[in-house]
Amino acid sequence: MERISMGQKNSILAALKSQDSPEGSASREMRELSAPPSSHKDFRANSTWMPDNNPTMIETMVEVDGLFFDKTKSHAPVRQNLSKAEKRAIRELQNNPDIIIKNAYRGSAIVMVDKDDYIEEGLGQLNDIEFYKHVDFDHTHDEFNNHVKNKEMLDRNEITCDVADCLV
């Protein structure tokens, strides 16, 4: 790490203070307003500065921390919080073909529903003509072909990624 001399520190602090002071910011704003439009900060050419290929301070810190945590991982055995009977009951429920186990729509709850009731509710929603319309043939093949055509046009640079996303 490079050391900064006391003189450099003082000049940096003085520059920062002048930027933070009301007179410093006012005079800077006046200079920006009086400058010709082509030299205004919004119209300057983009910088060509690129960082060195050396790892940055943050990347180095992440790497060192990773090495530290890899060495200090706990190798203690994991203590189970379910009894054997509870584990067996969960396995039996998961393997039961007559029930459906799903995450609830809201929250972190789990819901168990009779399979026949679940299918009946799904069909009831699909048959609601206020929200769904019966079609005479399967449109998924057409949609798949459109997706393939969009991908081909994207690969040939005929459209941009943003356009392809809008076409999906």
C-alpha atoms as a PDB file:
ATOM      1  CA  MET A   1       0.000   0.000   0.000  1.00  0.00           C
ATOM      2  CA  GLU A   2       1.390   3.423  -0.948  1.00  0.00           C
ATOM      3  CA  ARG A   3       1.914   5.913   1.902  1.00  0.00           C
ATOM      4  CA  ILE A   4       0.702   9.490   1.558  1.00  0.00           C
ATOM      5  CA  SER A   5       2.904  12.251   2.918  1.00  0.00           C
ATOM      6  CA  MET A   6       1.576  14.819   5.406  1.00  0.00           C
ATOM      7  CA  GLY A   7       1.782  17.524   2.723  1.00  0.00           C
ATOM      8  CA  GLN A   8      -0.326  15.459   0.335  1.00  0.00           C
ATOM      9  CA  LYS A   9      -2.894  14.836   3.076  1.00  0.00           C
ATOM     10  CA  ASN A  10      -3.126  18.544   3.862  1.00  0.00           C
ATOM     11  CA  SER A  11      -3.591  19.500   0.189  1.00  0.00           C
ATOM     12  CA  ILE A  12      -6.303  16.840  -0.261  1.00  0.00           C
ATOM     13  CA  LEU A  13      -8.100  18.051   2.888  1.00  0.00           C
ATOM     14  CA  ALA A  14      -7.881  21.668   1.733  1.00  0.00           C
ATOM     15  CA  ALA A  15      -9.336  20.737  -1.669  1.00  0.00           C
ATOM     16  CA  LEU A  16     -12.177  18.817  -0.053  1.00  0.00           C
ATOM     17  CA  LYS A  17     -12.931  21.685   2.345  1.00  0.00           C
ATOM     18  CA  SER A  18     -13.081  24.177  -0.517  1.00  0.00           C
ATOM     19  CA  GLN A  19     -15.535  21.923  -2.357  1.00  0.00           C
ATOM     20  CA  ASP A  20     -17.728  21.564   0.734  1.00  0.00           C
ATOM     21  CA  SER A  21     -17.727  25.250   1.669  1.00  0.00           C
ATOM     22  CA  PRO A  22     -20.549  27.452   0.344  1.00  0.00           C
ATOM     23  CA  GLU A  23     -18.112  29.819  -1.386  1.00  0.00           C
ATOM     24  CA  GLY A  24     -16.275  26.946  -3.051  1.00  0.00           C
ATOM     25  CA  SER A  25     -19.409  25.342  -4.459  1.00  0.00           C
ATOM     26  CA  ALA A  26     -20.862  28.700  -5.535  1.00  0.00           C
ATOM     27  CA  SER A  27     -17.712  29.693  -7.403  1.00  0.00           C
ATOM     28  CA  ARG A  28     -17.535  26.248  -9.003  1.00  0.00           C
ATOM     29  CA  GLU A  29     -21.168  26.556 -10.139  1.00  0.00           C
ATOM     30  CA  MET A  30     -20.468  30.013 -11.567  1.00  0.00           C
ATOM     31  CA  ARG A  31     -17.494  28.619 -13.512  1.00  0.00           C
ATOM     32  CA  GLU A  32     -19.677  25.794 -14.875  1.00  0.00           C
ATOM     33  CA  LEU A  33     -22.428  28.206 -15.893  1.00  0.00           C
ATOM     34  CA  SER A  34     -20.031  30.603 -17.592  1.00  0.00           C
ATOM     35  CA  ALA A  35     -18.241  27.834 -19.511  1.00  0.00           C
ATOM     36  CA  PRO A  36     -19.223  27.291 -23.141  1.00  0.00           C
ATOM     37  CA  PRO A  37     -21.777  24.464 -23.623  1.00  0.00           C
ATOM     38  CA  SER A  38     -19.288  22.162 -25.324  1.00  0.00           C
ATOM     39  CA  SER A  39     -17.084  22.099 -22.211  1.00  0.00           C
ATOM     40  CA  HIS A  40     -19.957  21.543 -19.776  1.00  0.00           C
ATOM     41  CA  LYS A  41     -19.510  18.396 -17.639  1.00  0.00           C
ATOM     42  CA  ASP A  42     -22.493  16.670 -19.312  1.00  0.00           C
ATOM     43  CA  PHE A  43     -20.964  17.080 -22.790  1.00  0.00           C
ATOM     44  CA  ARG A  44     -17.421  15.946 -22.138  1.00  0.00           C
ATOM     45  CA  ALA A  45     -16.096  12.872 -23.925  1.00  0.00           C
ATOM     46  CA  ASN A  46     -16.255   9.626 -21.990  1.00  0.00           C
ATOM     47  CA  SER A  47     -13.129   8.767 -20.060  1.00  0.00           C
ATOM     48  CA  THR A  48     -10.775   6.180 -21.518  1.00  0.00           C
ATOM     49  CA  TRP A  49      -9.250   5.350 -18.119  1.00  0.00           C
ATOM     50  CA  MET A  50      -9.105   1.669 -17.320  1.00  0.00           C
ATOM     51  CA  PRO A  51      -7.997   0.219 -13.965  1.00  0.00           C
ATOM     52  CA  ASP A  52      -4.859  -1.869 -13.785  1.00  0.00           C
ATOM     53  CA  ASN A  53      -5.132  -5.616 -14.152  1.00  0.00           C
ATOM     54  CA  ASN A  54      -4.040  -5.953 -10.513  1.00  0.00           C
ATOM     55  CA  PRO A  55      -6.783  -7.020  -8.110  1.00  0.00           C
ATOM     56  CA  THR A  56      -8.461  -4.067  -6.472  1.00  0.00           C
ATOM     57  CA  MET A  57      -8.532  -3.545  -2.749  1.00  0.00           C
ATOM     58  CA  ILE A  58     -12.078  -4.900  -2.448  1.00  0.00           C
ATOM     59  CA  GLU A  59     -11.322  -8.014  -4.508  1.00  0.00           C
ATOM     60  CA  THR A  60      -8.246  -8.664  -2.340  1.00  0.00           C
ATOM     61  CA  MET A  61     -10.287  -8.204   0.835  1.00  0.00           C
ATOM     62  CA  VAL A  62     -12.956 -10.636  -0.422  1.00  0.00           C
ATOM     63  CA  GLU A  63     -10.286 -13.200  -1.283  1.00  0.00           C
ATOM     64  CA  VAL A  64      -8.557 -12.872   2.116  1.00  0.00           C
ATOM     65  CA  ASP A  65     -11.887 -13.083   3.951  1.00  0.00           C
ATOM     66  CA  GLY A  66     -12.817 -16.176   1.929  1.00  0.00           C
ATOM     67  CA  LEU A  67      -9.562 -17.870   2.881  1.00  0.00           C
ATOM     68  CA  PHE A  68     -10.119 -16.945   6.539  1.00  0.00           C
ATOM     69  CA  PHE A  69     -13.668 -18.312   6.633  1.00  0.00           C
ATOM     70  CA  ASP A  70     -12.661 -21.485   4.792  1.00  0.00           C
ATOM     71  CA  LYS A  71     -10.091 -22.176   7.520  1.00  0.00           C
ATOM     72  CA  THR A  72     -12.471 -21.385  10.377  1.00  0.00           C
ATOM     73  CA  LYS A  73     -15.480 -23.423   9.234  1.00  0.00           C
ATOM     74  CA  SER A  74     -17.044 -25.430  11.991  1.00  0.00           C
ATOM     75  CA  HIS A  75     -16.707 -29.171  11.544  1.00  0.00           C
ATOM     76  CA  ALA A  76     -19.156 -29.943  14.328  1.00  0.00           C
ATOM     77  CA  PRO A  77     -21.808 -32.516  13.437  1.00  0.00           C
ATOM     78  CA  VAL A  78     -25.215 -31.161  12.523  1.00  0.00           C
ATOM     79  CA  ARG A  79     -27.802 -31.771  15.222  1.00  0.00           C
ATOM     80  CA  GLN A  80     -31.142 -32.966  13.883  1.00  0.00           C
ATOM     81  CA  ASN A  81     -34.231 -31.128  15.101  1.00  0.00           C
ATOM     82  CA  LEU A  82     -36.752 -33.796  14.018  1.00  0.00           C
ATOM     83  CA  SER A  83     -37.337 -37.117  15.688  1.00  0.00           C
ATOM     84  CA  LYS A  84     -37.253 -40.350  13.676  1.00  0.00           C
ATOM     85  CA  ALA A  85     -41.053 -40.580  13.902  1.00  0.00           C
ATOM     86  CA  GLU A  86     -41.437 -37.025  12.506  1.00  0.00           C
ATOM     87  CA  LYS A  87     -39.060 -37.786   9.637  1.00  0.00           C
ATOM     88  CA  ARG A  88     -40.961 -40.984   8.834  1.00  0.00           C
ATOM     89  CA  ALA A  89     -44.290 -39.087   8.879  1.00  0.00           C
ATOM     90  CA  ILE A  90     -42.925 -36.458   6.449  1.00  0.00           C
ATOM     91  CA  ARG A  91     -41.650 -39.183   4.092  1.00  0.00           C
ATOM     92  CA  GLU A  92     -45.027 -40.924   4.163  1.00  0.00           C
ATOM     93  CA  LEU A  93     -46.850 -37.675   3.340  1.00  0.00           C
ATOM     94  CA  GLN A  94     -44.434 -36.882   0.485  1.00  0.00           C
ATOM     95  CA  ASN A  95     -44.906 -40.358  -0.996  1.00  0.00           C
ATOM     96  CA  ASN A  96     -48.709 -40.372  -0.667  1.00  0.00           C
ATOM     97  CA  PRO A  97     -50.166 -40.125  -4.218  1.00  0.00           C
ATOM     98  CA  ASP A  98     -53.558 -38.957  -2.914  1.00  0.00           C
ATOM     99  CA  ILE A  99     -52.356 -35.581  -1.586  1.00  0.00           C
ATOM    100  CA  ILE A 100     -50.592 -32.542  -3.054  1.00  0.00           C
ATOM    101  CA  ILE A 101     -48.057 -30.627  -0.934  1.00  0.00           C
ATOM    102  CA  LYS A 102     -47.345 -27.065  -2.107  1.00  0.00           C
ATOM    103  CA  ASN A 103     -45.970 -23.808  -0.768  1.00  0.00           C
ATOM    104  CA  ALA A 104     -48.746 -21.386   0.127  1.00  0.00           C
ATOM    105  CA  TYR A 105     -49.284 -18.441  -2.234  1.00  0.00           C
ATOM    106  CA  ARG A 106     -48.414 -16.018   0.546  1.00  0.00           C
ATOM    107  CA  GLY A 107     -46.108 -16.391   3.482  1.00  0.00           C
ATOM    108  CA  SER A 108     -43.897 -19.332   4.234  1.00  0.00           C
ATOM    109  CA  ALA A 109     -46.612 -21.889   5.037  1.00  0.00           C
ATOM    110  CA  ILE A 110     -46.960 -25.297   3.423  1.00  0.00           C
ATOM    111  CA  VAL A 111     -50.371 -26.511   2.284  1.00  0.00           C
ATOM    112  CA  MET A 112     -51.582 -30.098   1.919  1.00  0.00           C
ATOM    113  CA  VAL A 113     -54.616 -30.638  -0.318  1.00  0.00           C
ATOM    114  CA  ASP A 114     -56.492 -33.710  -1.426  1.00  0.00           C
ATOM    115  CA  LYS A 115     -55.404 -34.423  -5.028  1.00  0.00           C
ATOM    116  CA  ASP A 116     -58.967 -34.710  -6.375  1.00  0.00           C
ATOM    117  CA  ASP A 117     -59.948 -31.386  -4.752  1.00  0.00           C
ATOM    118  CA  TYR A 118     -56.808 -29.747  -6.181  1.00  0.00           C
ATOM    119  CA  ILE A 119     -57.565 -30.929  -9.732  1.00  0.00           C
ATOM    120  CA  GLU A 120     -61.234 -29.924  -9.407  1.00  0.00           C
ATOM    121  CA  GLU A 121     -60.258 -26.398  -8.300  1.00  0.00           C
ATOM    122  CA  GLY A 122     -57.763 -26.051 -11.167  1.00  0.00           C
ATOM    123  CA  LEU A 123     -60.303 -27.154 -13.767  1.00  0.00           C
ATOM    124  CA  GLY A 124     -62.905 -24.844 -12.225  1.00  0.00           C
ATOM    125  CA  GLN A 125     -60.561 -21.882 -12.665  1.00  0.00           C
ATOM    126  CA  LEU A 126     -59.638 -22.856 -16.229  1.00  0.00           C
ATOM    127  CA  ASN A 127     -63.328 -23.189 -17.176  1.00  0.00           C
ATOM    128  CA  ASP A 128     -64.121 -19.667 -15.907  1.00  0.00           C
ATOM    129  CA  ILE A 129     -64.908 -17.865 -19.210  1.00  0.00           C
ATOM    130  CA  GLU A 130     -64.427 -14.470 -17.566  1.00  0.00           C
ATOM    131  CA  PHE A 131     -60.662 -15.128 -17.443  1.00  0.00           C
ATOM    132  CA  TYR A 132     -59.994 -17.925 -19.951  1.00  0.00           C
ATOM    133  CA  LYS A 133     -61.129 -18.545 -23.505  1.00  0.00           C
ATOM    134  CA  HIS A 134     -61.400 -21.961 -25.157  1.00  0.00           C
ATOM    135  CA  VAL A 135     -59.290 -22.237 -28.323  1.00  0.00           C
ATOM    136  CA  ASP A 136     -59.783 -24.753 -31.112  1.00  0.00           C
ATOM    137  CA  PHE A 137     -56.128 -25.736 -31.464  1.00  0.00           C
ATOM    138  CA  ASP A 138     -52.836 -25.678 -29.559  1.00  0.00           C
ATOM    139  CA  HIS A 139     -50.985 -22.361 -30.030  1.00  0.00           C
ATOM    140  CA  THR A 140     -47.795 -23.468 -28.285  1.00  0.00           C
ATOM    141  CA  HIS A 141     -46.237 -24.707 -31.550  1.00  0.00           C
ATOM    142  CA  ASP A 142     -46.712 -21.250 -33.126  1.00  0.00           C
ATOM    143  CA  GLU A 143     -45.251 -19.548 -30.065  1.00  0.00           C
ATOM    144  CA  PHE A 144     -42.249 -21.892 -30.114  1.00  0.00           C
ATOM    145  CA  ASN A 145     -41.626 -21.144 -33.820  1.00  0.00           C
ATOM    146  CA  ASN A 146     -41.796 -17.398 -33.116  1.00  0.00           C
ATOM    147  CA  HIS A 147     -39.298 -17.816 -30.305  1.00  0.00           C
ATOM    148  CA  VAL A 148     -36.918 -19.727 -32.612  1.00  0.00           C
ATOM    149  CA  LYS A 149     -37.248 -17.030 -35.310  1.00  0.00           C
ATOM    150  CA  ASN A 150     -36.499 -14.301 -32.763  1.00  0.00           C
ATOM    151  CA  LYS A 151     -33.410 -16.193 -31.573  1.00  0.00           C
ATOM    152  CA  GLU A 152     -32.169 -16.601 -35.143  1.00  0.00           C
ATOM    153  CA  MET A 153     -32.646 -12.869 -35.840  1.00  0.00           C
ATOM    154  CA  LEU A 154     -30.811 -12.056 -32.612  1.00  0.00           C
ATOM    155  CA  ASP A 155     -27.939 -14.380 -33.565  1.00  0.00           C
ATOM    156  CA  ARG A 156     -27.648 -12.633 -36.963  1.00  0.00           C
ATOM    157  CA  ASN A 157     -27.649  -9.226 -35.190  1.00  0.00           C
ATOM    158  CA  GLU A 158     -30.824  -8.238 -37.032  1.00  0.00           C
ATOM    159  CA  ILE A 159     -32.443  -7.246 -33.735  1.00  0.00           C
ATOM    160  CA  THR A 160     -31.101  -6.181 -30.354  1.00  0.00           C
ATOM    161  CA  CYS A 161     -31.574  -8.048 -27.082  1.00  0.00           C
ATOM    162  CA  ASP A 162     -34.080  -5.416 -25.936  1.00  0.00           C
ATOM    163  CA  VAL A 163     -36.174  -5.934 -29.072  1.00  0.00           C
ATOM    164  CA  ALA A 164     -36.001  -9.720 -28.669  1.00  0.00           C
ATOM    165  CA  ASP A 165     -37.183  -9.429 -25.065  1.00  0.00           C
ATOM    166  CA  CYS A 166     -40.159  -7.335 -26.194  1.00  0.00           C
ATOM    167  CA  LEU A 167     -41.079  -9.888 -28.869  1.00  0.00           C
ATOM    168  CA  VAL A 168     -41.236 -12.810 -26.456  1.00  0.00           C
END
